C-alpha atoms as a PDB file:
ATOM      1  CA  MET A   1       0.000   0.000   0.000  1.00  0.00           C
ATOM      2  CA  THR A   2       1.305   3.448  -0.859  1.00  0.00           C
ATOM      3  CA  ASP A   3       1.360   6.330   1.594  1.00  0.00           C
ATOM      4  CA  LEU A   4      -1.494   8.003  -0.296  1.00  0.00           C
ATOM      5  CA  GLU A   5      -3.617   4.848  -0.203  1.00  0.00           C
ATOM      6  CA  PHE A   6      -2.995   4.503   3.530  1.00  0.00           C
ATOM      7  CA  LEU A   7      -3.967   8.125   4.149  1.00  0.00           C
ATOM      8  CA  ASP A   8      -7.133   7.733   2.067  1.00  0.00           C
ATOM      9  CA  HIS A   9      -8.288   4.630   3.974  1.00  0.00           C
ATOM     10  CA  ALA A  10      -7.213   6.061   7.340  1.00  0.00           C
ATOM     11  CA  GLU A  11      -9.049   9.333   6.714  1.00  0.00           C
ATOM     12  CA  LYS A  12     -12.232   7.372   5.953  1.00  0.00           C
ATOM     13  CA  LEU A  13     -11.835   5.499   9.241  1.00  0.00           C
ATOM     14  CA  LEU A  14     -11.332   8.685  11.294  1.00  0.00           C
ATOM     15  CA  LEU A  15     -14.286  10.341   9.562  1.00  0.00           C
ATOM     16  CA  ALA A  16     -16.476   7.302  10.327  1.00  0.00           C
ATOM     17  CA  VAL A  17     -15.484   7.558  14.008  1.00  0.00           C
ATOM     18  CA  GLU A  18     -16.288  11.281  14.104  1.00  0.00           C
ATOM     19  CA  GLU A  19     -19.617  10.748  12.322  1.00  0.00           C
ATOM     20  CA  GLY A  20     -20.364   7.866  14.699  1.00  0.00           C
ATOM     21  CA  CYS A  21     -19.867  10.173  17.683  1.00  0.00           C
ATOM     22  CA  ASP A  22     -22.208  12.745  16.131  1.00  0.00           C
ATOM     23  CA  ARG A  23     -24.849  10.086  15.381  1.00  0.00           C
ATOM     24  CA  ILE A  24     -24.590   8.609  18.886  1.00  0.00           C
ATOM     25  CA  ASN A  25     -24.935  12.074  20.441  1.00  0.00           C
ATOM     26  CA  ASP A  26     -27.979  12.811  18.264  1.00  0.00           C
ATOM     27  CA  THR A  27     -29.758   9.519  19.026  1.00  0.00           C
ATOM     28  CA  THR A  28     -28.737   8.629  22.606  1.00  0.00           C
ATOM     29  CA  ASP A  29     -27.929  10.224  25.949  1.00  0.00           C
ATOM     30  CA  ALA A  30     -24.274   9.140  25.733  1.00  0.00           C
ATOM     31  CA  ASP A  31     -22.854  12.706  25.485  1.00  0.00           C
ATOM     32  CA  LEU A  32     -19.557  11.814  23.791  1.00  0.00           C
ATOM     33  CA  ASP A  33     -16.938  14.481  23.218  1.00  0.00           C
ATOM     34  CA  ALA A  34     -14.864  13.796  20.104  1.00  0.00           C
ATOM     35  CA  GLN A  35     -11.843  15.989  19.502  1.00  0.00           C
ATOM     36  CA  ARG A  36      -9.712  15.679  16.403  1.00  0.00           C
ATOM     37  CA  VAL A  37      -6.205  17.052  16.076  1.00  0.00           C
ATOM     38  CA  GLY A  38      -4.517  16.050  12.818  1.00  0.00           C
ATOM     39  CA  GLY A  39      -4.389  12.260  12.643  1.00  0.00           C
ATOM     40  CA  MET A  40      -5.717  11.697  16.164  1.00  0.00           C
ATOM     41  CA  VAL A  41      -9.269  11.462  17.497  1.00  0.00           C
ATOM     42  CA  THR A  42      -9.906  11.477  21.243  1.00  0.00           C
ATOM     43  CA  ILE A  43     -13.308  10.284  22.426  1.00  0.00           C
ATOM     44  CA  THR A  44     -14.119  11.327  25.987  1.00  0.00           C
ATOM     45  CA  PHE A  45     -17.032   9.673  27.792  1.00  0.00           C
ATOM     46  CA  HIS A  46     -19.278  11.175  30.483  1.00  0.00           C
ATOM     47  CA  ASN A  47     -17.184   9.486  33.205  1.00  0.00           C
ATOM     48  CA  GLY A  48     -13.971  11.111  31.951  1.00  0.00           C
ATOM     49  CA  SER A  49     -12.483   7.949  30.426  1.00  0.00           C
ATOM     50  CA  GLN A  50     -11.084   8.188  26.915  1.00  0.00           C
ATOM     51  CA  ILE A  51     -10.413   6.196  23.779  1.00  0.00           C
ATOM     52  CA  ILE A  52      -7.669   7.568  21.550  1.00  0.00           C
ATOM     53  CA  ILE A  53      -7.325   6.666  17.869  1.00  0.00           C
ATOM     54  CA  ASN A  54      -4.064   7.707  16.278  1.00  0.00           C
ATOM     55  CA  LEU A  55      -2.548   7.280  12.816  1.00  0.00           C
ATOM     56  CA  GLN A  56       0.936   5.797  12.635  1.00  0.00           C
ATOM     57  CA  LYS A  57       1.808   6.931   9.114  1.00  0.00           C
ATOM     58  CA  PRO A  58       5.319   5.404   8.801  1.00  0.00           C
ATOM     59  CA  LEU A  59       3.926   1.973   9.751  1.00  0.00           C
ATOM     60  CA  HIS A  60       0.667   2.330   7.779  1.00  0.00           C
ATOM     61  CA  GLU A  61      -1.203   1.483  10.971  1.00  0.00           C
ATOM     62  CA  VAL A  62      -4.006   2.901  13.071  1.00  0.00           C
ATOM     63  CA  TRP A  63      -3.596   2.566  16.815  1.00  0.00           C
ATOM     64  CA  LEU A  64      -6.438   2.453  19.318  1.00  0.00           C
ATOM     65  CA  ALA A  65      -5.752   3.073  23.017  1.00  0.00           C
ATOM     66  CA  ALA A  66      -8.438   2.256  25.585  1.00  0.00           C
ATOM     67  CA  LYS A  67      -8.699   1.147  29.204  1.00  0.00           C
ATOM     68  CA  THR A  68      -8.288  -2.480  28.075  1.00  0.00           C
ATOM     69  CA  GLY A  69      -5.003  -1.772  26.295  1.00  0.00           C
ATOM     70  CA  GLY A  70      -3.485  -0.703  23.015  1.00  0.00           C
ATOM     71  CA  TYR A  71      -4.322  -2.190  19.626  1.00  0.00           C
ATOM     72  CA  HIS A  72      -2.670  -1.855  16.200  1.00  0.00           C
ATOM     73  CA  TYR A  73      -4.561  -2.185  12.906  1.00  0.00           C
ATOM     74  CA  ARG A  74      -3.604  -2.548   9.251  1.00  0.00           C
ATOM     75  CA  PHE A  75      -5.939  -2.250   6.295  1.00  0.00           C
ATOM     76  CA  ASP A  76      -6.304  -5.604   4.499  1.00  0.00           C
ATOM     77  CA  GLY A  77      -8.122  -4.234   1.453  1.00  0.00           C
ATOM     78  CA  LYS A  78     -11.552  -4.578   3.076  1.00  0.00           C
ATOM     79  CA  ALA A  79     -11.272  -3.685   6.764  1.00  0.00           C
ATOM     80  CA  TRP A  80      -8.832  -2.625   9.479  1.00  0.00           C
ATOM     81  CA  GLN A  81      -7.600  -5.836  11.120  1.00  0.00           C
ATOM     82  CA  ASP A  82      -5.735  -6.196  14.405  1.00  0.00           C
ATOM     83  CA  THR A  83      -2.071  -7.003  13.716  1.00  0.00           C
ATOM     84  CA  LYS A  84      -2.078  -9.650  16.454  1.00  0.00           C
ATOM     85  CA  GLY A  85      -5.157 -11.496  15.203  1.00  0.00           C
ATOM     86  CA  GLY A  86      -7.703  -9.781  17.435  1.00  0.00           C
ATOM     87  CA  LEU A  87     -10.949  -8.113  16.526  1.00  0.00           C
ATOM     88  CA  GLU A  88     -11.546  -5.858  13.529  1.00  0.00           C
ATOM     89  CA  PHE A  89     -11.215  -2.132  14.381  1.00  0.00           C
ATOM     90  CA  PHE A  90     -14.910  -1.246  14.735  1.00  0.00           C
ATOM     91  CA  ALA A  91     -15.664  -4.419  16.703  1.00  0.00           C
ATOM     92  CA  GLU A  92     -12.912  -3.491  19.176  1.00  0.00           C
ATOM     93  CA  LEU A  93     -13.984   0.162  19.275  1.00  0.00           C
ATOM     94  CA  ASN A  94     -17.571  -0.917  20.021  1.00  0.00           C
ATOM     95  CA  ARG A  95     -16.458  -3.323  22.745  1.00  0.00           C
ATOM     96  CA  ASN A  96     -14.357  -0.672  24.449  1.00  0.00           C
ATOM     97  CA  ALA A  97     -16.954   2.088  24.031  1.00  0.00           C
ATOM     98  CA  ARG A  98     -19.521  -0.149  25.743  1.00  0.00           C
ATOM     99  CA  LEU A  99     -17.126  -1.026  28.566  1.00  0.00           C
ATOM    100  CA  GLN A 100     -16.085   2.559  29.171  1.00  0.00           C
ATOM    101  CA  SER A 101     -19.492   4.215  28.810  1.00  0.00           C
ATOM    102  CA  GLY A 102     -21.732   1.541  30.280  1.00  0.00           C
ATOM    103  CA  LEU A 103     -24.015   2.063  27.272  1.00  0.00           C
ATOM    104  CA  ASP A 104     -24.715  -0.001  24.157  1.00  0.00           C
ATOM    105  CA  LEU A 105     -22.855   2.220  21.669  1.00  0.00           C
ATOM    106  CA  GLU A 106     -22.204   1.201  18.080  1.00  0.00           C
ATOM    107  CA  PHE A 107     -19.695   2.593  15.605  1.00  0.00           C
ATOM    108  CA  HIS A 108     -19.338   1.259  12.056  1.00  0.00           C
ATOM    109  CA  ALA A 109     -17.445   1.891   8.843  1.00  0.00           C
ATOM    110  CA  ALA A 110     -18.923   4.482   6.523  1.00  0.00           C
END
């Protein structure tokens, strides 16, 4: 994958996360705060806990940091897959968002 291809796919992922926060705020009482600075999105929950999604451009990876740990993802042509064989990005984001918010929150690819 070229740098431009990575950035295109990664930008779509970050946009889907931001749009997911907006949709969740519009349709639930979750009250998420999503802040984006460059290639990083920080989601802050009502209890003050955070999930941070950060682009690692030189590695062509997206990293997700949550209370349960840190996860690294690479795009396989269809989805962002955990580099250690774990869950797909949005499945892991959903799992952690539920754990940290106590609410049934759902993010998905655009």
